[in-house]
Amino acid sequence: MEIATREVRMTITMDYNDGCTKKIHILKYYVGNEKTPVLRYKQVELRYPDGTIDEDRSYVCKLIIDENDDFGTEYTELEIEMLKTIHYNDNSTKTIKIWKIYNDFMKKSAIRHKMVEFRHPDGTIDKYRSNDIRLFN
């Protein structure tokens, strides 16, 4: 069974001390087992505590995913959500969901949750290839 396409979605939420929230959405699409994505897409949205969006620090870009964080203040909490979908050439699908939450005083994640779901072409879930792991520090 070979990989036909892969798609990685990542959402990073940063809550800052001054009440601002920064959300970063990253999408990457791969073909086969290639290490380099065919398409990279990044959207950054910075919201003030009143809900307005800072247009100067918010942007959308394709193919450039390594912009620097120039906001300058420390965040109180960092939440990362990642969704990876692998489509095999026999129409089966493997979905991996990872959630990590970091606090400003910890180098390691406080909470980590990883869920793997393998679906056969008929839509049934393979319970031997699927799992659900939760770790707390």
Protein backbone atom coordinates (compact mmCIF):
# COMPACT_ATOMS: atom_id res chain seq x y z
CA MET A 1 0.00 0.00 0.00
CA GLU A 2 1.58 3.27 -1.15
CA ILE A 3 0.82 6.83 -0.07
CA ALA A 4 -0.98 8.80 -2.78
CA THR A 5 -1.26 12.23 -1.09
CA ARG A 6 -0.74 13.72 2.37
CA GLU A 7 -2.13 16.86 3.90
CA VAL A 8 -0.96 18.51 7.13
CA ARG A 9 -3.02 21.18 8.89
CA MET A 10 -1.67 22.98 11.92
CA THR A 11 -3.34 25.63 14.08
CA ILE A 12 -1.28 27.52 16.66
CA THR A 13 -3.06 29.76 19.17
CA MET A 14 -1.00 32.16 21.29
CA ASP A 15 -2.58 34.08 24.18
CA TYR A 16 -0.48 37.09 25.22
CA ASN A 17 -0.25 38.86 28.60
CA ASP A 18 -1.88 42.02 27.24
CA GLY A 19 -5.01 40.07 26.19
CA CYS A 20 -4.19 39.77 22.48
CA THR A 21 -4.60 36.44 20.67
CA LYS A 22 -2.57 35.32 17.67
CA LYS A 23 -3.80 32.43 15.50
CA ILE A 24 -1.57 30.84 12.90
CA HIS A 25 -3.02 28.37 10.39
CA ILE A 26 -0.54 26.37 8.29
CA LEU A 27 -1.52 23.98 5.49
CA LYS A 28 0.90 21.73 3.63
CA TYR A 29 0.09 19.33 0.78
CA TYR A 30 2.43 16.51 -0.28
CA VAL A 31 2.34 13.99 -3.14
CA GLY A 32 3.49 10.45 -2.35
CA ASN A 33 6.44 10.13 0.04
CA GLU A 34 8.00 13.44 -1.00
CA LYS A 35 9.60 15.46 1.82
CA THR A 36 8.95 18.80 0.13
CA PRO A 37 5.34 19.99 0.03
CA VAL A 38 3.68 20.82 -3.28
CA LEU A 39 1.73 23.68 -1.68
CA ARG A 40 2.38 25.61 1.52
CA TYR A 41 -0.13 28.12 2.87
CA LYS A 42 0.06 30.24 6.04
CA GLN A 43 -2.49 32.61 7.57
CA VAL A 44 -1.70 34.77 10.62
CA GLU A 45 -4.43 36.66 12.47
CA LEU A 46 -3.74 38.93 15.47
CA ARG A 47 -6.77 40.01 17.49
CA TYR A 48 -6.89 42.66 20.20
CA PRO A 49 -8.90 42.02 23.40
CA ASP A 50 -11.88 43.93 21.96
CA GLY A 51 -12.00 41.53 18.96
CA THR A 52 -10.60 43.85 16.30
CA ILE A 53 -7.92 42.51 13.95
CA ASP A 54 -4.51 44.19 13.66
CA GLU A 55 -4.17 44.50 9.87
CA ASP A 56 -0.43 45.32 10.06
CA ARG A 57 0.46 42.08 11.85
CA SER A 58 -2.07 39.81 10.12
CA TYR A 59 -1.27 38.31 6.72
CA VAL A 60 -1.81 35.40 4.33
CA CYS A 61 0.98 33.92 2.24
CA LYS A 62 1.59 30.95 -0.01
CA LEU A 63 4.90 29.06 -0.23
CA ILE A 64 6.49 31.13 2.58
CA ILE A 65 5.88 29.63 6.01
CA ASP A 66 8.77 30.91 8.08
CA GLU A 67 7.84 34.52 8.91
CA ASN A 68 9.29 35.77 12.22
CA ASP A 69 7.17 36.49 15.29
CA ASP A 70 7.87 40.17 15.85
CA PHE A 71 5.09 40.85 18.35
CA GLY A 72 7.65 41.10 21.14
CA THR A 73 5.65 40.10 24.20
CA GLU A 74 5.60 36.79 26.03
CA TYR A 75 2.59 34.56 25.65
CA THR A 76 0.74 33.04 28.60
CA GLU A 77 -0.41 29.93 26.79
CA LEU A 78 0.42 28.27 23.48
CA GLU A 79 -1.98 25.75 21.95
CA ILE A 80 -1.05 23.72 18.87
CA GLU A 81 -3.50 21.58 16.90
CA MET A 82 -2.21 19.45 14.04
CA LEU A 83 -4.24 17.32 11.65
CA LYS A 84 -2.42 15.03 9.23
CA THR A 85 -4.35 13.03 6.65
CA ILE A 86 -2.67 10.32 4.56
CA HIS A 87 -4.54 8.94 1.54
CA TYR A 88 -3.29 5.56 0.27
CA ASN A 89 -3.66 4.37 -3.32
CA ASP A 90 -6.10 1.60 -2.23
CA ASN A 91 -8.48 4.38 -0.95
CA SER A 92 -7.78 3.73 2.73
CA THR A 93 -7.09 6.76 4.92
CA LYS A 94 -5.00 7.40 8.04
CA THR A 95 -5.81 10.50 10.10
CA ILE A 96 -3.53 11.72 12.90
CA LYS A 97 -4.71 14.48 15.26
CA ILE A 98 -2.30 16.01 17.78
CA TRP A 99 -3.06 18.67 20.40
CA LYS A 100 -0.39 20.26 22.57
CA ILE A 101 -0.80 22.97 25.18
CA TYR A 102 2.21 24.83 26.61
CA ASN A 103 2.26 27.24 29.56
CA ASP A 104 4.71 30.15 29.68
CA PHE A 105 6.67 28.62 32.55
CA MET A 106 7.09 25.11 31.08
CA LYS A 107 9.43 24.04 28.29
CA LYS A 108 7.54 20.76 27.79
CA SER A 109 3.87 20.56 26.87
CA ALA A 110 1.46 20.46 29.80
CA ILE A 111 -1.09 18.45 27.83
CA ARG A 112 -0.56 16.26 24.77
CA HIS A 113 -3.28 14.30 23.04
CA LYS A 114 -2.65 12.12 19.98
CA MET A 115 -5.37 10.27 18.12
CA VAL A 116 -4.72 7.95 15.16
CA GLU A 117 -7.63 6.64 13.08
CA PHE A 118 -7.15 4.21 10.19
CA ARG A 119 -10.11 3.73 7.84
CA HIS A 120 -10.43 1.00 5.23
CA PRO A 121 -11.83 1.81 1.75
CA ASP A 122 -15.31 0.69 2.88
CA GLY A 123 -15.26 3.27 5.72
CA THR A 124 -14.76 0.87 8.63
CA ILE A 125 -12.21 1.76 11.30
CA ASP A 126 -9.32 -0.66 11.90
CA LYS A 127 -9.16 -0.82 15.71
CA TYR A 128 -5.71 -2.47 15.66
CA ARG A 129 -4.15 0.40 13.66
CA SER A 130 -6.04 3.14 15.55
CA ASN A 131 -5.26 4.52 19.01
CA ASP A 132 -5.92 7.39 21.39
CA ILE A 133 -3.17 8.59 23.76
CA ARG A 134 -3.41 11.41 26.36
CA LEU A 135 -0.39 12.61 28.32
CA PHE A 136 -0.41 15.16 31.15
CA ASN A 137 2.67 16.74 32.76
